[in-house]
C-alpha atoms as a PDB file:
ATOM      1  CA  UNK A   1     -16.928   0.141  -1.938  1.00  0.00           C
ATOM      2  CA  UNK A   2     -19.334   3.018  -1.378  1.00  0.00           C
ATOM      3  CA  UNK A   3     -19.876   4.972   1.831  1.00  0.00           C
ATOM      4  CA  UNK A   4     -23.122   6.800   2.615  1.00  0.00           C
ATOM      5  CA  UNK A   5     -24.202   9.258   5.267  1.00  0.00           C
ATOM      6  CA  UNK A   6     -27.468  11.042   5.915  1.00  0.00           C
ATOM      7  CA  UNK A   7     -26.726  14.704   6.611  1.00  0.00           C
ATOM      8  CA  UNK A   8     -28.439  16.109   9.699  1.00  0.00           C
ATOM      9  CA  UNK A   9     -27.607  18.875  12.148  1.00  0.00           C
ATOM     10  CA  UNK A  10     -26.285  16.152  14.443  1.00  0.00           C
ATOM     11  CA  UNK A  11     -24.068  14.464  11.804  1.00  0.00           C
ATOM     12  CA  UNK A  12     -22.800  17.585  10.012  1.00  0.00           C
ATOM     13  CA  UNK A  13     -19.514  17.895  11.938  1.00  0.00           C
ATOM     14  CA  UNK A  14     -18.822  14.153  11.831  1.00  0.00           C
ATOM     15  CA  UNK A  15     -19.359  14.029   8.054  1.00  0.00           C
ATOM     16  CA  UNK A  16     -17.311  17.207   7.525  1.00  0.00           C
ATOM     17  CA  UNK A  17     -14.421  15.698   9.531  1.00  0.00           C
ATOM     18  CA  UNK A  18     -14.597  12.404   7.610  1.00  0.00           C
ATOM     19  CA  UNK A  19     -14.573  14.214   4.269  1.00  0.00           C
ATOM     20  CA  UNK A  20     -11.568  16.275   5.433  1.00  0.00           C
ATOM     21  CA  UNK A  21      -9.711  13.055   6.357  1.00  0.00           C
ATOM     22  CA  UNK A  22     -10.290  11.882   2.787  1.00  0.00           C
ATOM     23  CA  UNK A  23      -8.965  15.163   1.352  1.00  0.00           C
ATOM     24  CA  UNK A  24     -12.413  16.260   0.139  1.00  0.00           C
ATOM     25  CA  UNK A  25     -13.299  19.925   0.654  1.00  0.00           C
ATOM     26  CA  UNK A  26     -16.507  20.567   2.591  1.00  0.00           C
ATOM     27  CA  UNK A  27     -17.861  23.546   4.484  1.00  0.00           C
ATOM     28  CA  UNK A  28     -21.177  24.692   5.852  1.00  0.00           C
ATOM     29  CA  UNK A  29     -23.806  25.888   3.402  1.00  0.00           C
ATOM     30  CA  UNK A  30     -25.567  28.988   4.720  1.00  0.00           C
ATOM     31  CA  UNK A  31     -28.946  30.442   3.760  1.00  0.00           C
ATOM     32  CA  UNK A  32     -31.215  33.174   5.022  1.00  0.00           C
ATOM     33  CA  UNK A  33     -33.985  31.511   7.037  1.00  0.00           C
ATOM     34  CA  UNK A  34     -36.631  33.861   8.435  1.00  0.00           C
ATOM     35  CA  UNK A  35     -34.164  36.758   8.367  1.00  0.00           C
ATOM     36  CA  UNK A  36     -31.335  34.837  10.064  1.00  0.00           C
ATOM     37  CA  UNK A  37     -28.256  33.444   8.334  1.00  0.00           C
ATOM     38  CA  UNK A  38     -28.364  29.725   9.150  1.00  0.00           C
ATOM     39  CA  UNK A  39     -26.398  26.593   8.208  1.00  0.00           C
ATOM     40  CA  UNK A  40     -28.742  24.413   6.125  1.00  0.00           C
ATOM     41  CA  UNK A  41     -26.270  21.871   4.765  1.00  0.00           C
ATOM     42  CA  UNK A  42     -22.772  21.284   3.377  1.00  0.00           C
ATOM     43  CA  UNK A  43     -21.010  22.347   0.198  1.00  0.00           C
ATOM     44  CA  UNK A  44     -18.890  19.385  -0.866  1.00  0.00           C
ATOM     45  CA  UNK A  45     -16.261  19.002  -3.583  1.00  0.00           C
ATOM     46  CA  UNK A  46     -17.148  16.379  -6.183  1.00  0.00           C
ATOM     47  CA  UNK A  47     -13.555  15.036  -6.100  1.00  0.00           C
ATOM     48  CA  UNK A  48     -10.560  15.873  -3.912  1.00  0.00           C
ATOM     49  CA  UNK A  49      -8.649  16.730  -7.096  1.00  0.00           C
ATOM     50  CA  UNK A  50     -11.365  19.172  -8.224  1.00  0.00           C
ATOM     51  CA  UNK A  51     -12.240  21.345  -5.203  1.00  0.00           C
ATOM     52  CA  UNK A  52     -13.905  23.972  -7.409  1.00  0.00           C
ATOM     53  CA  UNK A  53     -16.635  21.565  -8.537  1.00  0.00           C
ATOM     54  CA  UNK A  54     -19.057  21.444  -5.637  1.00  0.00           C
ATOM     55  CA  UNK A  55     -22.407  19.965  -4.723  1.00  0.00           C
ATOM     56  CA  UNK A  56     -24.758  21.160  -2.018  1.00  0.00           C
ATOM     57  CA  UNK A  57     -26.216  18.645   0.408  1.00  0.00           C
ATOM     58  CA  UNK A  58     -29.112  19.878   2.519  1.00  0.00           C
ATOM     59  CA  UNK A  59     -30.190  18.344   5.817  1.00  0.00           C
ATOM     60  CA  UNK A  60     -31.715  14.862   5.314  1.00  0.00           C
ATOM     61  CA  UNK A  61     -29.970  14.420   1.940  1.00  0.00           C
ATOM     62  CA  UNK A  62     -27.644  11.440   1.471  1.00  0.00           C
ATOM     63  CA  UNK A  63     -23.965  12.040   0.739  1.00  0.00           C
ATOM     64  CA  UNK A  64     -22.173   9.112  -0.934  1.00  0.00           C
ATOM     65  CA  UNK A  65     -18.560   8.483  -1.878  1.00  0.00           C
ATOM     66  CA  UNK A  66     -17.786   5.739  -4.392  1.00  0.00           C
ATOM     67  CA  UNK A  67     -14.610   3.643  -4.506  1.00  0.00           C
ATOM     68  CA  UNK A  68     -12.895   6.220  -6.724  1.00  0.00           C
ATOM     69  CA  UNK A  69     -13.600   9.087  -4.307  1.00  0.00           C
ATOM     70  CA  UNK A  70     -16.409  10.712  -6.305  1.00  0.00           C
ATOM     71  CA  UNK A  71     -19.052  12.380  -4.142  1.00  0.00           C
ATOM     72  CA  UNK A  72     -22.740  12.342  -5.028  1.00  0.00           C
ATOM     73  CA  UNK A  73     -25.715  13.852  -3.243  1.00  0.00           C
ATOM     74  CA  UNK A  74     -29.152  12.285  -3.301  1.00  0.00           C
ATOM     75  CA  UNK A  75     -31.889  14.688  -2.182  1.00  0.00           C
ATOM     76  CA  UNK A  76     -34.087  13.510   0.681  1.00  0.00           C
ATOM     77  CA  UNK A  77     -37.001  11.447  -0.570  1.00  0.00           C
ATOM     78  CA  UNK A  78     -35.329  10.473  -3.857  1.00  0.00           C
ATOM     79  CA  UNK A  79     -33.948   7.014  -4.464  1.00  0.00           C
ATOM     80  CA  UNK A  80     -30.543   6.687  -6.078  1.00  0.00           C
ATOM     81  CA  UNK A  81     -30.786   5.516  -9.675  1.00  0.00           C
END
């Protein structure tokens, strides 16, 4: 069973909390936007057992977790293959 979320400013904390409940590391991804350091997404561990391997999900990207706990990120506008 796969779970999917679309990352937005409004869903960021909810998704972060859900990933934490599953033992998957996630934290805000920050970038310089017009001279201001701003959260633009989440850095997410690929697997709970491998917190050093991370993906970046930007706002409007889709974050998915498969039945084995592997996280994937599909950039906004791209269909999963």
